[in-house]
Protein backbone atom coordinates (compact mmCIF):
# COMPACT_ATOMS: atom_id res chain seq x y z
CA MET A 1 93.19 65.45 80.07
CA LYS A 2 90.60 68.11 79.46
CA GLY A 3 89.33 67.77 82.93
CA LYS A 4 92.78 68.19 84.36
CA CYS A 5 93.38 71.35 82.24
CA LEU A 6 90.13 72.68 83.63
CA LEU A 7 91.10 72.08 87.21
CA VAL A 8 94.55 73.62 86.72
CA SER A 9 93.02 76.59 85.00
CA CYS A 10 90.41 77.11 87.92
CA LEU A 11 93.23 76.99 90.37
CA LEU A 12 95.39 79.39 88.58
CA VAL A 13 92.38 81.74 88.41
CA LEU A 14 91.74 81.28 92.25
CA LEU A 15 95.41 81.91 92.98
CA VAL A 16 95.31 85.27 90.97
CA ALA A 17 92.11 86.30 92.58
CA VAL A 18 93.35 85.70 96.19
CA ARG A 19 94.87 88.92 97.65
CA VAL A 20 98.06 88.29 99.37
CA GLU A 21 98.67 90.73 102.14
CA ILE A 22 102.45 91.51 103.04
CA THR A 23 103.00 92.58 106.63
CA GLU A 24 105.53 95.09 107.28
CA ALA A 25 107.99 94.22 110.07
CA VAL A 26 107.10 96.30 113.42
CA ILE A 27 109.87 98.21 114.95
CA CYS A 28 109.36 98.08 118.47
CA ASN A 29 109.65 101.37 120.16
CA ALA A 30 107.96 102.13 123.26
CA ILE A 31 108.20 105.86 122.64
CA GLU A 32 105.45 105.13 119.89
CA LEU A 33 103.05 104.71 122.68
CA SER A 34 103.44 108.22 124.22
CA SER A 35 100.25 109.31 122.75
CA CYS A 36 98.64 106.76 125.19
CA ALA A 37 100.43 108.31 128.30
CA SER A 38 97.62 110.46 129.56
CA ALA A 39 94.93 107.74 128.91
CA ILE A 40 97.06 105.33 130.87
CA THR A 41 97.97 107.75 133.82
CA THR A 42 94.73 109.64 134.23
CA SER A 43 91.91 107.40 133.06
CA THR A 44 90.84 109.65 130.08
CA PRO A 45 89.53 107.99 126.98
CA PRO A 46 92.37 107.08 124.46
CA SER A 47 92.67 109.03 121.33
CA LYS A 48 92.47 107.56 117.80
CA LEU A 49 96.28 108.02 117.57
CA CYS A 50 96.84 106.12 120.75
CA CYS A 51 94.74 103.17 119.62
CA ARG A 52 96.47 103.13 116.27
CA LYS A 53 99.82 102.92 117.94
CA ILE A 54 98.82 100.31 120.22
CA LYS A 55 97.47 98.17 117.44
CA GLU A 56 100.78 98.84 115.52
CA GLN A 57 102.85 98.09 118.62
CA GLN A 58 100.81 94.98 119.76
CA PRO A 59 103.38 92.42 118.55
CA CYS A 60 105.94 94.35 120.90
CA LEU A 61 103.62 94.22 124.05
CA CYS A 62 105.33 91.14 125.60
CA ASN A 63 108.69 92.58 125.24
CA TYR A 64 107.50 95.71 126.91
CA LEU A 65 106.06 93.44 129.80
CA LYS A 66 109.37 91.79 130.26
CA ASN A 67 111.31 95.13 130.50
CA PRO A 68 111.51 96.22 134.17
CA SER A 69 111.63 99.89 133.18
CA LEU A 70 108.37 99.58 131.00
CA LYS A 71 106.34 97.02 132.95
CA LYS A 72 105.27 99.42 135.63
CA PHE A 73 103.31 101.27 132.85
CA VAL A 74 102.25 98.56 130.68
CA ASN A 75 101.10 96.06 133.29
CA THR A 76 98.41 98.45 134.94
CA PRO A 77 94.73 98.28 135.13
CA ASN A 78 94.54 101.57 133.10
CA ALA A 79 96.77 100.18 130.40
CA ARG A 80 94.63 97.11 130.13
CA ARG A 81 91.56 99.26 129.92
CA VAL A 82 93.07 101.46 126.96
CA ALA A 83 93.97 98.41 125.16
CA SER A 84 90.62 96.85 125.63
CA THR A 85 88.97 100.26 124.69
CA CYS A 86 91.09 100.31 121.45
CA GLY A 87 90.09 96.66 120.63
CA THR A 88 93.47 95.27 121.12
CA PRO A 89 93.74 92.07 123.24
CA PHE A 90 96.12 92.31 126.27
CA PRO A 91 98.80 89.90 125.59
CA ARG A 92 99.38 86.77 127.67
CA CYS A 93 103.09 86.22 127.76
């Protein structure tokens, strides 16, 4: 019985010690990537803001690739370069 209490106590301590991260839902909005426009269209290095926005919008990139109006901007060698430079994997949808 004493061993079970010790085990339960250890588990409780571990559960309290583990940090649970709550991820906020991403609102997909292609306008959020406007800070990347010059990097995508002119081959200039992406800004820190651009990289931050790409990382925020990463869950949305497949939706952007499926949108005919956005695909021509998102599915380009420069867009892939910007994503790579920012450390964001380009999605395989």
